[in-house]
Every structure is written in structure tokens, then in C-alpha cells.
Amino acid sequence: MNAMNREQPIPAPQALHDDIPTYDARVLISNGAQAKIVLDGQVYTLRITRAGKLILTK
């Protein structure tokens, strides 16, 4: 089962001092190395590299 088929809600964002929503990437990706993110019908892949960096690709 891939990340798009899971029916787990995304955790609520944590508000920082400037009120910009903040999400933990490892929670978004949950138990893997990548997640799909959809914006206006376009699918993007968010990936955590072995070095612990984030890459967002279309």
C-alpha cells in the first residue's frame, strides 16, 4: 500500500512565533523515504535523502 492510499490524517501543523504552519517531514513521510504531495492536480514527490536532506521534485 503506498502513501497516497493510506487514510491517515495529516497531523495539525504547529504554529511557530510567526504563525507559519510547520510540519515535521518525517511525520508527513511516515515510515518511508518519500511521500506524494498534490498541488492543483500536479503530483510532487518529497524525499528524504540518506544524508537527511529534503528534495521536492515534480
PDB file of N, CA and C in Angstrom:
ATOM      1  N   MET A   1       0.850  -1.179   0.000  1.00  0.00           N
ATOM      2  CA  MET A   1       0.000   0.000   0.000  1.00  0.00           C
ATOM      3  C   MET A   1       0.891   1.236   0.000  1.00  0.00           C
ATOM      4  N   ASN A   2       0.674   2.167  -0.930  1.00  0.00           N
ATOM      5  CA  ASN A   2       1.525   3.347  -0.968  1.00  0.00           C
ATOM      6  C   ASN A   2       0.950   4.476  -0.124  1.00  0.00           C
ATOM      7  N   ALA A   3       1.703   5.552  -0.003  1.00  0.00           N
ATOM      8  CA  ALA A   3       1.338   6.656   0.888  1.00  0.00           C
ATOM      9  C   ALA A   3       0.043   7.341   0.461  1.00  0.00           C
ATOM     10  N   MET A   4      -0.273   7.336  -0.829  1.00  0.00           N
ATOM     11  CA  MET A   4      -1.474   8.023  -1.282  1.00  0.00           C
ATOM     12  C   MET A   4      -2.740   7.254  -0.911  1.00  0.00           C
ATOM     13  N   ASN A   5      -2.644   5.940  -0.699  1.00  0.00           N
ATOM     14  CA  ASN A   5      -3.819   5.143  -0.385  1.00  0.00           C
ATOM     15  C   ASN A   5      -4.100   5.055   1.107  1.00  0.00           C
ATOM     16  N   ARG A   6      -3.196   5.486   1.929  1.00  0.00           N
ATOM     17  CA  ARG A   6      -3.424   5.436   3.368  1.00  0.00           C
ATOM     18  C   ARG A   6      -4.466   6.462   3.743  1.00  0.00           C
ATOM     19  N   GLU A   7      -5.310   6.103   4.674  1.00  0.00           N
ATOM     20  CA  GLU A   7      -6.342   7.024   5.107  1.00  0.00           C
ATOM     21  C   GLU A   7      -6.030   7.562   6.490  1.00  0.00           C
ATOM     22  N   GLN A   8      -4.790   7.980   6.675  1.00  0.00           N
ATOM     23  CA  GLN A   8      -4.382   8.576   7.937  1.00  0.00           C
ATOM     24  C   GLN A   8      -4.378  10.087   7.768  1.00  0.00           C
ATOM     25  N   PRO A   9      -4.981  10.809   8.699  1.00  0.00           N
ATOM     26  CA  PRO A   9      -4.978  12.271   8.572  1.00  0.00           C
ATOM     27  C   PRO A   9      -3.580  12.834   8.780  1.00  0.00           C
ATOM     28  N   ILE A  10      -3.303  13.922   8.090  1.00  0.00           N
ATOM     29  CA  ILE A  10      -2.038  14.620   8.299  1.00  0.00           C
ATOM     30  C   ILE A  10      -2.155  15.371   9.614  1.00  0.00           C
ATOM     31  N   PRO A  11      -1.153  15.248  10.484  1.00  0.00           N
ATOM     32  CA  PRO A  11      -1.222  15.937  11.780  1.00  0.00           C
ATOM     33  C   PRO A  11      -1.365  17.446  11.609  1.00  0.00           C
ATOM     34  N   ALA A  12      -2.034  18.054  12.548  1.00  0.00           N
ATOM     35  CA  ALA A  12      -2.194  19.505  12.516  1.00  0.00           C
ATOM     36  C   ALA A  12      -0.839  20.184  12.617  1.00  0.00           C
ATOM     37  N   PRO A  13      -0.665  21.282  11.902  1.00  0.00           N
ATOM     38  CA  PRO A  13       0.619  21.979  11.959  1.00  0.00           C
ATOM     39  C   PRO A  13       0.835  22.623  13.318  1.00  0.00           C
ATOM     40  N   GLN A  14       2.085  22.820  13.641  1.00  0.00           N
ATOM     41  CA  GLN A  14       2.438  23.516  14.871  1.00  0.00           C
ATOM     42  C   GLN A  14       2.703  24.967  14.519  1.00  0.00           C
ATOM     43  N   ALA A  15       2.111  25.880  15.239  1.00  0.00           N
ATOM     44  CA  ALA A  15       2.339  27.298  14.984  1.00  0.00           C
ATOM     45  C   ALA A  15       3.626  27.742  15.663  1.00  0.00           C
ATOM     46  N   LEU A  16       4.457  28.424  14.911  1.00  0.00           N
ATOM     47  CA  LEU A  16       5.677  28.995  15.474  1.00  0.00           C
ATOM     48  C   LEU A  16       5.407  30.451  15.832  1.00  0.00           C
ATOM     49  N   HIS A  17       6.435  31.147  16.219  1.00  0.00           N
ATOM     50  CA  HIS A  17       6.295  32.534  16.644  1.00  0.00           C
ATOM     51  C   HIS A  17       5.690  33.419  15.568  1.00  0.00           C
ATOM     52  N   ASP A  18       5.976  33.116  14.288  1.00  0.00           N
ATOM     53  CA  ASP A  18       5.462  33.956  13.212  1.00  0.00           C
ATOM     54  C   ASP A  18       4.175  33.397  12.600  1.00  0.00           C
ATOM     55  N   ASP A  19       3.567  32.408  13.219  1.00  0.00           N
ATOM     56  CA  ASP A  19       2.292  31.820  12.806  1.00  0.00           C
ATOM     57  C   ASP A  19       2.315  31.144  11.436  1.00  0.00           C
ATOM     58  N   ILE A  20       3.489  30.753  10.952  1.00  0.00           N
ATOM     59  CA  ILE A  20       3.577  29.972   9.720  1.00  0.00           C
ATOM     60  C   ILE A  20       3.458  28.501  10.111  1.00  0.00           C
ATOM     61  N   PRO A  21       2.538  27.753   9.478  1.00  0.00           N
ATOM     62  CA  PRO A  21       2.404  26.331   9.820  1.00  0.00           C
ATOM     63  C   PRO A  21       3.724  25.592   9.607  1.00  0.00           C
ATOM     64  N   THR A  22       4.065  24.707  10.540  1.00  0.00           N
ATOM     65  CA  THR A  22       5.297  23.943  10.469  1.00  0.00           C
ATOM     66  C   THR A  22       4.957  22.463  10.589  1.00  0.00           C
ATOM     67  N   TYR A  23       5.474  21.664   9.654  1.00  0.00           N
ATOM     68  CA  TYR A  23       5.212  20.233   9.639  1.00  0.00           C
ATOM     69  C   TYR A  23       6.524  19.482   9.786  1.00  0.00           C
ATOM     70  N   ASP A  24       6.513  18.384  10.507  1.00  0.00           N
ATOM     71  CA  ASP A  24       7.674  17.517  10.622  1.00  0.00           C
ATOM     72  C   ASP A  24       7.691  16.628   9.382  1.00  0.00           C
ATOM     73  N   ALA A  25       8.734  16.721   8.568  1.00  0.00           N
ATOM     74  CA  ALA A  25       8.816  15.964   7.313  1.00  0.00           C
ATOM     75  C   ALA A  25       8.735  14.465   7.559  1.00  0.00           C
ATOM     76  N   ARG A  26       9.317  13.998   8.640  1.00  0.00           N
ATOM     77  CA  ARG A  26       9.270  12.556   8.913  1.00  0.00           C
ATOM     78  C   ARG A  26       7.852  12.091   9.241  1.00  0.00           C
ATOM     79  N   VAL A  27       7.038  12.965   9.803  1.00  0.00           N
ATOM     80  CA  VAL A  27       5.642  12.617  10.062  1.00  0.00           C
ATOM     81  C   VAL A  27       4.871  12.597   8.741  1.00  0.00           C
ATOM     82  N   LEU A  28       5.117  13.569   7.871  1.00  0.00           N
ATOM     83  CA  LEU A  28       4.451  13.589   6.565  1.00  0.00           C
ATOM     84  C   LEU A  28       4.807  12.353   5.755  1.00  0.00           C
ATOM     85  N   ILE A  29       6.067  11.965   5.800  1.00  0.00           N
ATOM     86  CA  ILE A  29       6.527  10.820   5.019  1.00  0.00           C
ATOM     87  C   ILE A  29       6.162   9.514   5.710  1.00  0.00           C
ATOM     88  N   SER A  30       6.094   9.484   6.985  1.00  0.00           N
ATOM     89  CA  SER A  30       5.707   8.353   7.833  1.00  0.00           C
ATOM     90  C   SER A  30       6.142   6.981   7.338  1.00  0.00           C
ATOM     91  N   ASN A  31       7.120   6.455   7.998  1.00  0.00           N
ATOM     92  CA  ASN A  31       7.590   5.083   7.782  1.00  0.00           C
ATOM     93  C   ASN A  31       8.155   4.815   6.393  1.00  0.00           C
ATOM     94  N   GLY A  32       8.780   5.771   5.797  1.00  0.00           N
ATOM     95  CA  GLY A  32       9.370   5.560   4.480  1.00  0.00           C
ATOM     96  C   GLY A  32      10.374   6.636   4.171  1.00  0.00           C
ATOM     97  N   ALA A  33      10.706   6.748   2.899  1.00  0.00           N
ATOM     98  CA  ALA A  33      11.680   7.737   2.483  1.00  0.00           C
ATOM     99  C   ALA A  33      11.064   8.775   1.561  1.00  0.00           C
ATOM    100  N   GLN A  34       9.798   8.579   1.153  1.00  0.00           N
ATOM    101  CA  GLN A  34       9.188   9.561   0.272  1.00  0.00           C
ATOM    102  C   GLN A  34       7.674   9.609   0.442  1.00  0.00           C
ATOM    103  N   ALA A  35       7.104  10.739   0.001  1.00  0.00           N
ATOM    104  CA  ALA A  35       5.656  10.941   0.054  1.00  0.00           C
ATOM    105  C   ALA A  35       5.249  11.722  -1.183  1.00  0.00           C
ATOM    106  N   LYS A  36       4.006  11.566  -1.576  1.00  0.00           N
ATOM    107  CA  LYS A  36       3.448  12.316  -2.695  1.00  0.00           C
ATOM    108  C   LYS A  36       2.674  13.500  -2.140  1.00  0.00           C
ATOM    109  N   ILE A  37       2.844  14.656  -2.788  1.00  0.00           N
ATOM    110  CA  ILE A  37       2.127  15.875  -2.412  1.00  0.00           C
ATOM    111  C   ILE A  37       1.443  16.386  -3.670  1.00  0.00           C
ATOM    112  N   VAL A  38       0.161  16.732  -3.565  1.00  0.00           N
ATOM    113  CA  VAL A  38      -0.594  17.195  -4.723  1.00  0.00           C
ATOM    114  C   VAL A  38      -0.910  18.678  -4.560  1.00  0.00           C
ATOM    115  N   LEU A  39      -0.651  19.434  -5.622  1.00  0.00           N
ATOM    116  CA  LEU A  39      -0.972  20.863  -5.653  1.00  0.00           C
ATOM    117  C   LEU A  39      -1.621  21.162  -6.996  1.00  0.00           C
ATOM    118  N   ASP A  40      -2.875  21.594  -6.960  1.00  0.00           N
ATOM    119  CA  ASP A  40      -3.613  21.933  -8.185  1.00  0.00           C
ATOM    120  C   ASP A  40      -3.544  20.827  -9.228  1.00  0.00           C
ATOM    121  N   GLY A  41      -3.684  19.589  -8.789  1.00  0.00           N
ATOM    122  CA  GLY A  41      -3.693  18.464  -9.709  1.00  0.00           C
ATOM    123  C   GLY A  41      -2.321  17.969 -10.130  1.00  0.00           C
ATOM    124  N   GLN A  42      -1.263  18.649  -9.740  1.00  0.00           N
ATOM    125  CA  GLN A  42       0.110  18.243 -10.056  1.00  0.00           C
ATOM    126  C   GLN A  42       0.663  17.449  -8.879  1.00  0.00           C
ATOM    127  N   VAL A  43       1.302  16.318  -9.171  1.00  0.00           N
ATOM    128  CA  VAL A  43       1.842  15.459  -8.122  1.00  0.00           C
ATOM    129  C   VAL A  43       3.340  15.699  -7.992  1.00  0.00           C
ATOM    130  N   TYR A  44       3.774  15.948  -6.774  1.00  0.00           N
ATOM    131  CA  TYR A  44       5.181  16.158  -6.449  1.00  0.00           C
ATOM    132  C   TYR A  44       5.623  15.050  -5.500  1.00  0.00           C
ATOM    133  N   THR A  45       6.915  14.760  -5.500  1.00  0.00           N
ATOM    134  CA  THR A  45       7.478  13.767  -4.589  1.00  0.00           C
ATOM    135  C   THR A  45       8.400  14.467  -3.602  1.00  0.00           C
ATOM    136  N   LEU A  46       8.145  14.266  -2.330  1.00  0.00           N
ATOM    137  CA  LEU A  46       9.005  14.761  -1.266  1.00  0.00           C
ATOM    138  C   LEU A  46       9.833  13.585  -0.790  1.00  0.00           C
ATOM    139  N   ARG A  47      11.151  13.730  -0.811  1.00  0.00           N
ATOM    140  CA  ARG A  47      12.031  12.610  -0.484  1.00  0.00           C
ATOM    141  C   ARG A  47      13.073  13.040   0.534  1.00  0.00           C
ATOM    142  N   ILE A  48      13.365  12.158   1.479  1.00  0.00           N
ATOM    143  CA  ILE A  48      14.455  12.373   2.428  1.00  0.00           C
ATOM    144  C   ILE A  48      15.648  11.572   1.913  1.00  0.00           C
ATOM    145  N   THR A  49      16.771  12.237   1.713  1.00  0.00           N
ATOM    146  CA  THR A  49      17.966  11.566   1.223  1.00  0.00           C
ATOM    147  C   THR A  49      18.665  10.832   2.352  1.00  0.00           C
ATOM    148  N   ARG A  50      19.643  10.024   1.987  1.00  0.00           N
ATOM    149  CA  ARG A  50      20.440   9.315   3.007  1.00  0.00           C
ATOM    150  C   ARG A  50      21.167  10.287   3.920  1.00  0.00           C
ATOM    151  N   ALA A  51      21.485  11.461   3.388  1.00  0.00           N
ATOM    152  CA  ALA A  51      22.186  12.481   4.177  1.00  0.00           C
ATOM    153  C   ALA A  51      21.236  13.299   5.036  1.00  0.00           C
ATOM    154  N   GLY A  52      19.929  12.979   4.983  1.00  0.00           N
ATOM    155  CA  GLY A  52      18.961  13.691   5.814  1.00  0.00           C
ATOM    156  C   GLY A  52      18.486  15.008   5.222  1.00  0.00           C
ATOM    157  N   LYS A  53      18.656  15.196   3.921  1.00  0.00           N
ATOM    158  CA  LYS A  53      18.198  16.408   3.241  1.00  0.00           C
ATOM    159  C   LYS A  53      16.852  16.129   2.594  1.00  0.00           C
ATOM    160  N   LEU A  54      16.095  17.202   2.334  1.00  0.00           N
ATOM    161  CA  LEU A  54      14.800  17.067   1.665  1.00  0.00           C
ATOM    162  C   LEU A  54      14.926  17.477   0.212  1.00  0.00           C
ATOM    163  N   ILE A  55      14.281  16.686  -0.668  1.00  0.00           N
ATOM    164  CA  ILE A  55      14.219  17.029  -2.083  1.00  0.00           C
ATOM    165  C   ILE A  55      12.755  16.959  -2.511  1.00  0.00           C
ATOM    166  N   LEU A  56      12.283  18.012  -3.174  1.00  0.00           N
ATOM    167  CA  LEU A  56      10.929  18.064  -3.710  1.00  0.00           C
ATOM    168  C   LEU A  56      11.038  18.108  -5.217  1.00  0.00           C
ATOM    169  N   THR A  57      10.464  17.099  -5.911  1.00  0.00           N
ATOM    170  CA  THR A  57      10.532  17.036  -7.362  1.00  0.00           C
ATOM    171  C   THR A  57       9.135  16.864  -7.936  1.00  0.00           C
ATOM    172  N   LYS A  58       9.007  17.262  -9.183  1.00  0.00           N
ATOM    173  CA  LYS A  58       7.730  17.128  -9.886  1.00  0.00           C
ATOM    174  C   LYS A  58       7.723  15.847 -10.678  1.00  0.00           C
TER     175      LYS A  58
END
